[in-house]
Amino acid sequence: MTFCTAILTPVIILLRTFVRVLRDVVRTVCSWVSSVLRTVRTVVERLCRSLPWPLSALCNLVTRVIEVFETVWNWVCREVLERIVAWIEKIVEYIAYI
């Protein structure tokens, strides 16, 4: 019993540390990409205001596409990636319990 504990304890500690680092990386990348998308959308919106009618309409379409992409990205970060990291964390806790 102590042999298993001696082997598994460092592995569990390593896995918990990996999950924490993974969670921090996911949050950092998600916030970075979200801020880049917001900046791009802001620049495109400003550019659209200065264009004449036919080009401004096309430019507004591009702005809407960027907004949709930003919304999808935020959802993927918030729901999908965070949920995957939470599942990995639960699996590690179950392994530690066993």
PDB file of N, CA and C in Angstrom:
ATOM      1  N   MET A   1       0.817  -1.191   0.000  1.00  0.00           N
ATOM      2  CA  MET A   1       0.000   0.000   0.000  1.00  0.00           C
ATOM      3  C   MET A   1       0.859   1.253   0.000  1.00  0.00           C
ATOM      4  N   THR A   2       1.893   1.315   0.784  1.00  0.00           N
ATOM      5  CA  THR A   2       2.743   2.505   0.823  1.00  0.00           C
ATOM      6  C   THR A   2       3.568   2.632  -0.447  1.00  0.00           C
ATOM      7  N   PHE A   3       3.859   1.489  -1.088  1.00  0.00           N
ATOM      8  CA  PHE A   3       4.593   1.546  -2.348  1.00  0.00           C
ATOM      9  C   PHE A   3       3.763   2.259  -3.418  1.00  0.00           C
ATOM     10  N   CYS A   4       2.475   1.929  -3.489  1.00  0.00           N
ATOM     11  CA  CYS A   4       1.585   2.590  -4.445  1.00  0.00           C
ATOM     12  C   CYS A   4       1.458   4.076  -4.124  1.00  0.00           C
ATOM     13  N   THR A   5       1.351   4.396  -2.852  1.00  0.00           N
ATOM     14  CA  THR A   5       1.236   5.791  -2.450  1.00  0.00           C
ATOM     15  C   THR A   5       2.507   6.551  -2.799  1.00  0.00           C
ATOM     16  N   ALA A   6       3.638   5.908  -2.589  1.00  0.00           N
ATOM     17  CA  ALA A   6       4.916   6.562  -2.886  1.00  0.00           C
ATOM     18  C   ALA A   6       5.073   6.835  -4.383  1.00  0.00           C
ATOM     19  N   ILE A   7       4.534   5.988  -5.200  1.00  0.00           N
ATOM     20  CA  ILE A   7       4.645   6.175  -6.651  1.00  0.00           C
ATOM     21  C   ILE A   7       3.571   7.140  -7.159  1.00  0.00           C
ATOM     22  N   LEU A   8       2.349   6.994  -6.675  1.00  0.00           N
ATOM     23  CA  LEU A   8       1.243   7.778  -7.216  1.00  0.00           C
ATOM     24  C   LEU A   8       1.192   9.208  -6.701  1.00  0.00           C
ATOM     25  N   THR A   9       1.682   9.470  -5.524  1.00  0.00           N
ATOM     26  CA  THR A   9       1.611  10.827  -4.977  1.00  0.00           C
ATOM     27  C   THR A   9       2.335  11.843  -5.863  1.00  0.00           C
ATOM     28  N   PRO A  10       3.572  11.577  -6.300  1.00  0.00           N
ATOM     29  CA  PRO A  10       4.200  12.558  -7.208  1.00  0.00           C
ATOM     30  C   PRO A  10       3.472  12.691  -8.544  1.00  0.00           C
ATOM     31  N   VAL A  11       2.910  11.608  -9.038  1.00  0.00           N
ATOM     32  CA  VAL A  11       2.172  11.652 -10.303  1.00  0.00           C
ATOM     33  C   VAL A  11       0.920  12.512 -10.140  1.00  0.00           C
ATOM     34  N   ILE A  12       0.206  12.332  -9.052  1.00  0.00           N
ATOM     35  CA  ILE A  12      -1.005  13.128  -8.803  1.00  0.00           C
ATOM     36  C   ILE A  12      -0.654  14.592  -8.645  1.00  0.00           C
ATOM     37  N   ILE A  13       0.411  14.892  -7.915  1.00  0.00           N
ATOM     38  CA  ILE A  13       0.852  16.282  -7.746  1.00  0.00           C
ATOM     39  C   ILE A  13       1.209  16.879  -9.098  1.00  0.00           C
ATOM     40  N   LEU A  14       1.895  16.129  -9.921  1.00  0.00           N
ATOM     41  CA  LEU A  14       2.259  16.594 -11.256  1.00  0.00           C
ATOM     42  C   LEU A  14       1.025  16.845 -12.120  1.00  0.00           C
ATOM     43  N   LEU A  15       0.057  15.951 -12.054  1.00  0.00           N
ATOM     44  CA  LEU A  15      -1.169  16.123 -12.838  1.00  0.00           C
ATOM     45  C   LEU A  15      -1.977  17.326 -12.356  1.00  0.00           C
ATOM     46  N   ARG A  16      -2.065  17.528 -11.056  1.00  0.00           N
ATOM     47  CA  ARG A  16      -2.784  18.698 -10.527  1.00  0.00           C
ATOM     48  C   ARG A  16      -2.105  19.991 -10.965  1.00  0.00           C
ATOM     49  N   THR A  17      -0.787  20.005 -10.929  1.00  0.00           N
ATOM     50  CA  THR A  17      -0.046  21.184 -11.382  1.00  0.00           C
ATOM     51  C   THR A  17      -0.273  21.421 -12.863  1.00  0.00           C
ATOM     52  N   PHE A  18      -0.272  20.352 -13.648  1.00  0.00           N
ATOM     53  CA  PHE A  18      -0.529  20.465 -15.088  1.00  0.00           C
ATOM     54  C   PHE A  18      -1.912  21.046 -15.353  1.00  0.00           C
ATOM     55  N   VAL A  19      -2.908  20.605 -14.602  1.00  0.00           N
ATOM     56  CA  VAL A  19      -4.270  21.104 -14.801  1.00  0.00           C
ATOM     57  C   VAL A  19      -4.348  22.588 -14.452  1.00  0.00           C
ATOM     58  N   ARG A  20      -3.695  23.012 -13.371  1.00  0.00           N
ATOM     59  CA  ARG A  20      -3.692  24.439 -13.012  1.00  0.00           C
ATOM     60  C   ARG A  20      -3.036  25.277 -14.101  1.00  0.00           C
ATOM     61  N   VAL A  21      -1.896  24.796 -14.600  1.00  0.00           N
ATOM     62  CA  VAL A  21      -1.195  25.530 -15.660  1.00  0.00           C
ATOM     63  C   VAL A  21      -2.047  25.559 -16.919  1.00  0.00           C
ATOM     64  N   LEU A  22      -2.677  24.448 -17.245  1.00  0.00           N
ATOM     65  CA  LEU A  22      -3.541  24.384 -18.427  1.00  0.00           C
ATOM     66  C   LEU A  22      -4.696  25.369 -18.305  1.00  0.00           C
ATOM     67  N   ARG A  23      -5.304  25.442 -17.135  1.00  0.00           N
ATOM     68  CA  ARG A  23      -6.410  26.375 -16.920  1.00  0.00           C
ATOM     69  C   ARG A  23      -5.935  27.820 -17.089  1.00  0.00           C
ATOM     70  N   ASP A  24      -4.772  28.144 -16.544  1.00  0.00           N
ATOM     71  CA  ASP A  24      -4.235  29.504 -16.684  1.00  0.00           C
ATOM     72  C   ASP A  24      -3.912  29.835 -18.134  1.00  0.00           C
ATOM     73  N   VAL A  25      -3.360  28.881 -18.858  1.00  0.00           N
ATOM     74  CA  VAL A  25      -3.026  29.099 -20.273  1.00  0.00           C
ATOM     75  C   VAL A  25      -4.295  29.310 -21.083  1.00  0.00           C
ATOM     76  N   VAL A  26      -5.305  28.504 -20.840  1.00  0.00           N
ATOM     77  CA  VAL A  26      -6.573  28.634 -21.578  1.00  0.00           C
ATOM     78  C   VAL A  26      -7.191  29.999 -21.320  1.00  0.00           C
ATOM     79  N   ARG A  27      -7.227  30.417 -20.064  1.00  0.00           N
ATOM     80  CA  ARG A  27      -7.803  31.727 -19.744  1.00  0.00           C
ATOM     81  C   ARG A  27      -6.993  32.858 -20.370  1.00  0.00           C
ATOM     82  N   THR A  28      -5.679  32.756 -20.333  1.00  0.00           N
ATOM     83  CA  THR A  28      -4.837  33.807 -20.903  1.00  0.00           C
ATOM     84  C   THR A  28      -5.022  33.905 -22.409  1.00  0.00           C
ATOM     85  N   VAL A  29      -5.005  32.774 -23.084  1.00  0.00           N
ATOM     86  CA  VAL A  29      -5.168  32.774 -24.540  1.00  0.00           C
ATOM     87  C   VAL A  29      -6.560  33.270 -24.925  1.00  0.00           C
ATOM     88  N   CYS A  30      -7.567  32.835 -24.206  1.00  0.00           N
ATOM     89  CA  CYS A  30      -8.929  33.284 -24.511  1.00  0.00           C
ATOM     90  C   CYS A  30      -9.071  34.791 -24.337  1.00  0.00           C
ATOM     91  N   SER A  31      -8.533  35.321 -23.256  1.00  0.00           N
ATOM     92  CA  SER A  31      -8.651  36.771 -23.049  1.00  0.00           C
ATOM     93  C   SER A  31      -7.828  37.536 -24.076  1.00  0.00           C
ATOM     94  N   TRP A  32      -6.667  37.008 -24.447  1.00  0.00           N
ATOM     95  CA  TRP A  32      -5.839  37.686 -25.447  1.00  0.00           C
ATOM     96  C   TRP A  32      -6.547  37.726 -26.797  1.00  0.00           C
ATOM     97  N   VAL A  33      -7.068  36.602 -27.233  1.00  0.00           N
ATOM     98  CA  VAL A  33      -7.756  36.549 -28.529  1.00  0.00           C
ATOM     99  C   VAL A  33      -9.009  37.423 -28.498  1.00  0.00           C
ATOM    100  N   SER A  34      -9.737  37.410 -27.397  1.00  0.00           N
ATOM    101  CA  SER A  34     -10.926  38.258 -27.288  1.00  0.00           C
ATOM    102  C   SER A  34     -10.570  39.734 -27.389  1.00  0.00           C
ATOM    103  N   SER A  35      -9.496  40.135 -26.746  1.00  0.00           N
ATOM    104  CA  SER A  35      -9.102  41.545 -26.824  1.00  0.00           C
ATOM    105  C   SER A  35      -8.624  41.907 -28.226  1.00  0.00           C
ATOM    106  N   VAL A  36      -7.947  41.006 -28.904  1.00  0.00           N
ATOM    107  CA  VAL A  36      -7.529  41.267 -30.291  1.00  0.00           C
ATOM    108  C   VAL A  36      -8.755  41.407 -31.186  1.00  0.00           C
ATOM    109  N   LEU A  37      -9.737  40.535 -31.012  1.00  0.00           N
ATOM    110  CA  LEU A  37     -10.953  40.621 -31.826  1.00  0.00           C
ATOM    111  C   LEU A  37     -11.711  41.915 -31.561  1.00  0.00           C
ATOM    112  N   ARG A  38     -11.790  42.339 -30.293  1.00  0.00           N
ATOM    113  CA  ARG A  38     -12.445  43.609 -29.974  1.00  0.00           C
ATOM    114  C   ARG A  38     -11.725  44.776 -30.637  1.00  0.00           C
ATOM    115  N   THR A  39     -10.394  44.746 -30.604  1.00  0.00           N
ATOM    116  CA  THR A  39      -9.614  45.812 -31.215  1.00  0.00           C
ATOM    117  C   THR A  39      -9.823  45.845 -32.727  1.00  0.00           C
ATOM    118  N   VAL A  40      -9.793  44.698 -33.363  1.00  0.00           N
ATOM    119  CA  VAL A  40     -10.010  44.627 -34.812  1.00  0.00           C
ATOM    120  C   VAL A  40     -11.402  45.134 -35.157  1.00  0.00           C
ATOM    121  N   ARG A  41     -12.406  44.731 -34.386  1.00  0.00           N
ATOM    122  CA  ARG A  41     -13.768  45.191 -34.642  1.00  0.00           C
ATOM    123  C   ARG A  41     -13.881  46.708 -34.490  1.00  0.00           C
ATOM    124  N   THR A  42     -13.235  47.263 -33.473  1.00  0.00           N
ATOM    125  CA  THR A  42     -13.264  48.705 -33.265  1.00  0.00           C
ATOM    126  C   THR A  42     -12.614  49.447 -34.429  1.00  0.00           C
ATOM    127  N   VAL A  43     -11.479  48.954 -34.897  1.00  0.00           N
ATOM    128  CA  VAL A  43     -10.789  49.595 -36.021  1.00  0.00           C
ATOM    129  C   VAL A  43     -11.638  49.509 -37.282  1.00  0.00           C
ATOM    130  N   VAL A  44     -12.252  48.356 -37.519  1.00  0.00           N
ATOM    131  CA  VAL A  44     -13.089  48.196 -38.714  1.00  0.00           C
ATOM    132  C   VAL A  44     -14.312  49.103 -38.630  1.00  0.00           C
ATOM    133  N   GLU A  45     -14.905  49.229 -37.458  1.00  0.00           N
ATOM    134  CA  GLU A  45     -16.060  50.125 -37.306  1.00  0.00           C
ATOM    135  C   GLU A  45     -15.684  51.575 -37.602  1.00  0.00           C
ATOM    136  N   ARG A  46     -14.532  52.001 -37.124  1.00  0.00           N
ATOM    137  CA  ARG A  46     -14.080  53.366 -37.401  1.00  0.00           C
ATOM    138  C   ARG A  46     -13.809  53.562 -38.885  1.00  0.00           C
ATOM    139  N   LEU A  47     -13.226  52.568 -39.511  1.00  0.00           N
ATOM    140  CA  LEU A  47     -12.949  52.644 -40.939  1.00  0.00           C
ATOM    141  C   LEU A  47     -14.253  52.693 -41.738  1.00  0.00           C
ATOM    142  N   CYS A  48     -15.248  51.937 -41.309  1.00  0.00           N
ATOM    143  CA  CYS A  48     -16.528  51.897 -42.022  1.00  0.00           C
ATOM    144  C   CYS A  48     -17.218  53.261 -42.023  1.00  0.00           C
ATOM    145  N   ARG A  49     -17.072  53.990 -40.950  1.00  0.00           N
ATOM    146  CA  ARG A  49     -17.723  55.305 -40.868  1.00  0.00           C
ATOM    147  C   ARG A  49     -17.184  56.293 -41.902  1.00  0.00           C
ATOM    148  N   SER A  50     -15.947  56.108 -42.301  1.00  0.00           N
ATOM    149  CA  SER A  50     -15.329  57.075 -43.217  1.00  0.00           C
ATOM    150  C   SER A  50     -15.497  56.698 -44.689  1.00  0.00           C
ATOM    151  N   LEU A  51     -16.063  55.544 -44.960  1.00  0.00           N
ATOM    152  CA  LEU A  51     -16.217  55.107 -46.352  1.00  0.00           C
ATOM    153  C   LEU A  51     -17.534  55.579 -46.938  1.00  0.00           C
ATOM    154  N   PRO A  52     -17.594  55.756 -48.268  1.00  0.00           N
ATOM    155  CA  PRO A  52     -18.865  56.094 -48.927  1.00  0.00           C
ATOM    156  C   PRO A  52     -19.812  54.893 -48.905  1.00  0.00           C
ATOM    157  N   TRP A  53     -21.073  55.149 -49.304  1.00  0.00           N
ATOM    158  CA  TRP A  53     -22.136  54.182 -49.120  1.00  0.00           C
ATOM    159  C   TRP A  53     -21.863  52.751 -49.591  1.00  0.00           C
ATOM    160  N   PRO A  54     -21.550  52.461 -50.821  1.00  0.00           N
ATOM    161  CA  PRO A  54     -21.481  51.031 -51.168  1.00  0.00           C
ATOM    162  C   PRO A  54     -20.398  50.313 -50.383  1.00  0.00           C
ATOM    163  N   LEU A  55     -19.292  50.989 -50.160  1.00  0.00           N
ATOM    164  CA  LEU A  55     -18.203  50.353 -49.426  1.00  0.00           C
ATOM    165  C   LEU A  55     -18.517  50.252 -47.931  1.00  0.00           C
ATOM    166  N   SER A  56     -19.210  51.217 -47.401  1.00  0.00           N
ATOM    167  CA  SER A  56     -19.545  51.169 -45.977  1.00  0.00           C
ATOM    168  C   SER A  56     -20.507  50.023 -45.672  1.00  0.00           C
ATOM    169  N   ALA A  57     -21.413  49.737 -46.597  1.00  0.00           N
ATOM    170  CA  ALA A  57     -22.336  48.619 -46.404  1.00  0.00           C
ATOM    171  C   ALA A  57     -21.574  47.295 -46.370  1.00  0.00           C
ATOM    172  N   LEU A  58     -20.629  47.137 -47.281  1.00  0.00           N
ATOM    173  CA  LEU A  58     -19.805  45.936 -47.294  1.00  0.00           C
ATOM    174  C   LEU A  58     -18.935  45.869 -46.037  1.00  0.00           C
ATOM    175  N   CYS A  59     -18.428  46.999 -45.640  1.00  0.00           N
ATOM    176  CA  CYS A  59     -17.600  47.070 -44.443  1.00  0.00           C
ATOM    177  C   CYS A  59     -18.415  46.721 -43.198  1.00  0.00           C
ATOM    178  N   ASN A  60     -19.654  47.162 -43.144  1.00  0.00           N
ATOM    179  CA  ASN A  60     -20.521  46.812 -42.015  1.00  0.00           C
ATOM    180  C   ASN A  60     -20.798  45.316 -41.964  1.00  0.00           C
ATOM    181  N   LEU A  61     -20.888  44.694 -43.133  1.00  0.00           N
ATOM    182  CA  LEU A  61     -21.041  43.246 -43.185  1.00  0.00           C
ATOM    183  C   LEU A  61     -19.824  42.557 -42.568  1.00  0.00           C
ATOM    184  N   VAL A  62     -18.648  43.042 -42.903  1.00  0.00           N
ATOM    185  CA  VAL A  62     -17.413  42.498 -42.327  1.00  0.00           C
ATOM    186  C   VAL A  62     -17.408  42.686 -40.810  1.00  0.00           C
ATOM    187  N   THR A  63     -17.886  43.818 -40.356  1.00  0.00           N
ATOM    188  CA  THR A  63     -17.966  44.077 -38.915  1.00  0.00           C
ATOM    189  C   THR A  63     -18.893  43.075 -38.238  1.00  0.00           C
ATOM    190  N   ARG A  64     -20.012  42.784 -38.861  1.00  0.00           N
ATOM    191  CA  ARG A  64     -20.944  41.806 -38.287  1.00  0.00           C
ATOM    192  C   ARG A  64     -20.328  40.410 -38.242  1.00  0.00           C
ATOM    193  N   VAL A  65     -19.584  40.063 -39.277  1.00  0.00           N
ATOM    194  CA  VAL A  65     -18.910  38.759 -39.287  1.00  0.00           C
ATOM    195  C   VAL A  65     -17.895  38.685 -38.145  1.00  0.00           C
ATOM    196  N   ILE A  66     -17.166  39.755 -37.932  1.00  0.00           N
ATOM    197  CA  ILE A  66     -16.209  39.794 -36.825  1.00  0.00           C
ATOM    198  C   ILE A  66     -16.934  39.673 -35.488  1.00  0.00           C
ATOM    199  N   GLU A  67     -18.071  40.327 -35.340  1.00  0.00           N
ATOM    200  CA  GLU A  67     -18.866  40.226 -34.107  1.00  0.00           C
ATOM    201  C   GLU A  67     -19.331  38.795 -33.862  1.00  0.00           C
ATOM    202  N   VAL A  68     -19.792  38.140 -34.925  1.00  0.00           N
ATOM    203  CA  VAL A  68     -20.239  36.755 -34.795  1.00  0.00           C
ATOM    204  C   VAL A  68     -19.062  35.864 -34.406  1.00  0.00           C
ATOM    205  N   PHE A  69     -17.930  36.055 -35.053  1.00  0.00           N
ATOM    206  CA  PHE A  69     -16.753  35.264 -34.726  1.00  0.00           C
ATOM    207  C   PHE A  69     -16.328  35.504 -33.280  1.00  0.00           C
ATOM    208  N   GLU A  70     -16.395  36.750 -32.832  1.00  0.00           N
ATOM    209  CA  GLU A  70     -16.044  37.072 -31.448  1.00  0.00           C
ATOM    210  C   GLU A  70     -17.002  36.391 -30.461  1.00  0.00           C
ATOM    211  N   THR A  71     -18.279  36.393 -30.784  1.00  0.00           N
ATOM    212  CA  THR A  71     -19.265  35.736 -29.929  1.00  0.00           C
ATOM    213  C   THR A  71     -19.024  34.234 -29.858  1.00  0.00           C
ATOM    214  N   VAL A  72     -18.762  33.632 -31.002  1.00  0.00           N
ATOM    215  CA  VAL A  72     -18.486  32.192 -31.041  1.00  0.00           C
ATOM    216  C   VAL A  72     -17.213  31.879 -30.261  1.00  0.00           C
ATOM    217  N   TRP A  73     -16.180  32.685 -30.445  1.00  0.00           N
ATOM    218  CA  TRP A  73     -14.926  32.465 -29.733  1.00  0.00           C
ATOM    219  C   TRP A  73     -15.134  32.541 -28.216  1.00  0.00           C
ATOM    220  N   ASN A  74     -15.862  33.544 -27.763  1.00  0.00           N
ATOM    221  CA  ASN A  74     -16.114  33.682 -26.328  1.00  0.00           C
ATOM    222  C   ASN A  74     -16.902  32.495 -25.787  1.00  0.00           C
ATOM    223  N   TRP A  75     -17.866  32.009 -26.567  1.00  0.00           N
ATOM    224  CA  TRP A  75     -18.626  30.839 -26.142  1.00  0.00           C
ATOM    225  C   TRP A  75     -17.737  29.609 -26.061  1.00  0.00           C
ATOM    226  N   VAL A  76     -16.897  29.415 -27.064  1.00  0.00           N
ATOM    227  CA  VAL A  76     -15.995  28.256 -27.066  1.00  0.00           C
ATOM    228  C   VAL A  76     -15.073  28.318 -25.853  1.00  0.00           C
ATOM    229  N   CYS A  77     -14.536  29.480 -25.574  1.00  0.00           N
ATOM    230  CA  CYS A  77     -13.649  29.610 -24.414  1.00  0.00           C
ATOM    231  C   CYS A  77     -14.391  29.361 -23.116  1.00  0.00           C
ATOM    232  N   ARG A  78     -15.530  29.995 -22.985  1.00  0.00           N
ATOM    233  CA  ARG A  78     -16.263  29.926 -21.724  1.00  0.00           C
ATOM    234  C   ARG A  78     -16.854  28.540 -21.490  1.00  0.00           C
ATOM    235  N   GLU A  79     -17.473  27.981 -22.490  1.00  0.00           N
ATOM    236  CA  GLU A  79     -18.205  26.728 -22.299  1.00  0.00           C
ATOM    237  C   GLU A  79     -17.368  25.488 -22.606  1.00  0.00           C
ATOM    238  N   VAL A  80     -16.764  25.455 -23.759  1.00  0.00           N
ATOM    239  CA  VAL A  80     -16.115  24.232 -24.223  1.00  0.00           C
ATOM    240  C   VAL A  80     -14.772  24.024 -23.532  1.00  0.00           C
ATOM    241  N   LEU A  81     -13.861  24.970 -23.663  1.00  0.00           N
ATOM    242  CA  LEU A  81     -12.516  24.783 -23.117  1.00  0.00           C
ATOM    243  C   LEU A  81     -12.520  24.709 -21.596  1.00  0.00           C
ATOM    244  N   GLU A  82     -13.283  25.571 -20.950  1.00  0.00           N
ATOM    245  CA  GLU A  82     -13.357  25.523 -19.486  1.00  0.00           C
ATOM    246  C   GLU A  82     -13.972  24.206 -19.009  1.00  0.00           C
ATOM    247  N   ARG A  83     -14.957  23.708 -19.738  1.00  0.00           N
ATOM    248  CA  ARG A  83     -15.579  22.441 -19.363  1.00  0.00           C
ATOM    249  C   ARG A  83     -14.613  21.274 -19.545  1.00  0.00           C
ATOM    250  N   ILE A  84     -13.833  21.292 -20.607  1.00  0.00           N
ATOM    251  CA  ILE A  84     -12.837  20.237 -20.823  1.00  0.00           C
ATOM    252  C   ILE A  84     -11.814  20.242 -19.693  1.00  0.00           C
ATOM    253  N   VAL A  85     -11.343  21.417 -19.322  1.00  0.00           N
ATOM    254  CA  VAL A  85     -10.368  21.506 -18.224  1.00  0.00           C
ATOM    255  C   VAL A  85     -11.009  21.033 -16.917  1.00  0.00           C
ATOM    256  N   ALA A  86     -12.260  21.355 -16.686  1.00  0.00           N
ATOM    257  CA  ALA A  86     -12.942  20.901 -15.469  1.00  0.00           C
ATOM    258  C   ALA A  86     -13.075  19.375 -15.457  1.00  0.00           C
ATOM    259  N   TRP A  87     -13.379  18.777 -16.614  1.00  0.00           N
ATOM    260  CA  TRP A  87     -13.459  17.319 -16.683  1.00  0.00           C
ATOM    261  C   TRP A  87     -12.114  16.682 -16.395  1.00  0.00           C
ATOM    262  N   ILE A  88     -11.055  17.237 -16.965  1.00  0.00           N
ATOM    263  CA  ILE A  88      -9.713  16.707 -16.705  1.00  0.00           C
ATOM    264  C   ILE A  88      -9.398  16.802 -15.215  1.00  0.00           C
ATOM    265  N   GLU A  89      -9.781  17.915 -14.615  1.00  0.00           N
ATOM    266  CA  GLU A  89      -9.546  18.106 -13.185  1.00  0.00           C
ATOM    267  C   GLU A  89     -10.315  17.067 -12.356  1.00  0.00           C
ATOM    268  N   LYS A  90     -11.553  16.776 -12.732  1.00  0.00           N
ATOM    269  CA  LYS A  90     -12.331  15.767 -12.012  1.00  0.00           C
ATOM    270  C   LYS A  90     -11.742  14.382 -12.182  1.00  0.00           C
ATOM    271  N   ILE A  91     -11.276  14.078 -13.377  1.00  0.00           N
ATOM    272  CA  ILE A  91     -10.673  12.762 -13.616  1.00  0.00           C
ATOM    273  C   ILE A  91      -9.418  12.605 -12.751  1.00  0.00           C
ATOM    274  N   VAL A  92      -8.619  13.651 -12.654  1.00  0.00           N
ATOM    275  CA  VAL A  92      -7.418  13.594 -11.817  1.00  0.00           C
ATOM    276  C   VAL A  92      -7.806  13.401 -10.356  1.00  0.00           C
ATOM    277  N   GLU A  93      -8.862  14.063  -9.910  1.00  0.00           N
ATOM    278  CA  GLU A  93      -9.301  13.907  -8.521  1.00  0.00           C
ATOM    279  C   GLU A  93      -9.818  12.491  -8.266  1.00  0.00           C
ATOM    280  N   TYR A  94     -10.531  11.901  -9.237  1.00  0.00           N
ATOM    281  CA  TYR A  94     -10.992  10.532  -9.077  1.00  0.00           C
ATOM    282  C   TYR A  94      -9.820   9.575  -9.025  1.00  0.00           C
ATOM    283  N   ILE A  95      -8.816   9.801  -9.852  1.00  0.00           N
ATOM    284  CA  ILE A  95      -7.621   8.960  -9.828  1.00  0.00           C
ATOM    285  C   ILE A  95      -6.931   9.080  -8.474  1.00  0.00           C
ATOM    286  N   ALA A  96      -6.853  10.287  -7.953  1.00  0.00           N
ATOM    287  CA  ALA A  96      -6.223  10.495  -6.644  1.00  0.00           C
ATOM    288  C   ALA A  96      -7.018   9.799  -5.547  1.00  0.00           C
ATOM    289  N   TYR A  97      -8.346   9.808  -5.666  1.00  0.00           N
ATOM    290  CA  TYR A  97      -9.172   9.160  -4.668  1.00  0.00           C
ATOM    291  C   TYR A  97      -8.999   7.647  -4.675  1.00  0.00           C
ATOM    292  N   ILE A  98      -8.917   7.088  -5.858  1.00  0.00           N
ATOM    293  CA  ILE A  98      -8.772   5.627  -5.990  1.00  0.00           C
ATOM    294  C   ILE A  98      -7.405   5.229  -5.498  1.00  0.00           C
TER     295      ILE A  98
END
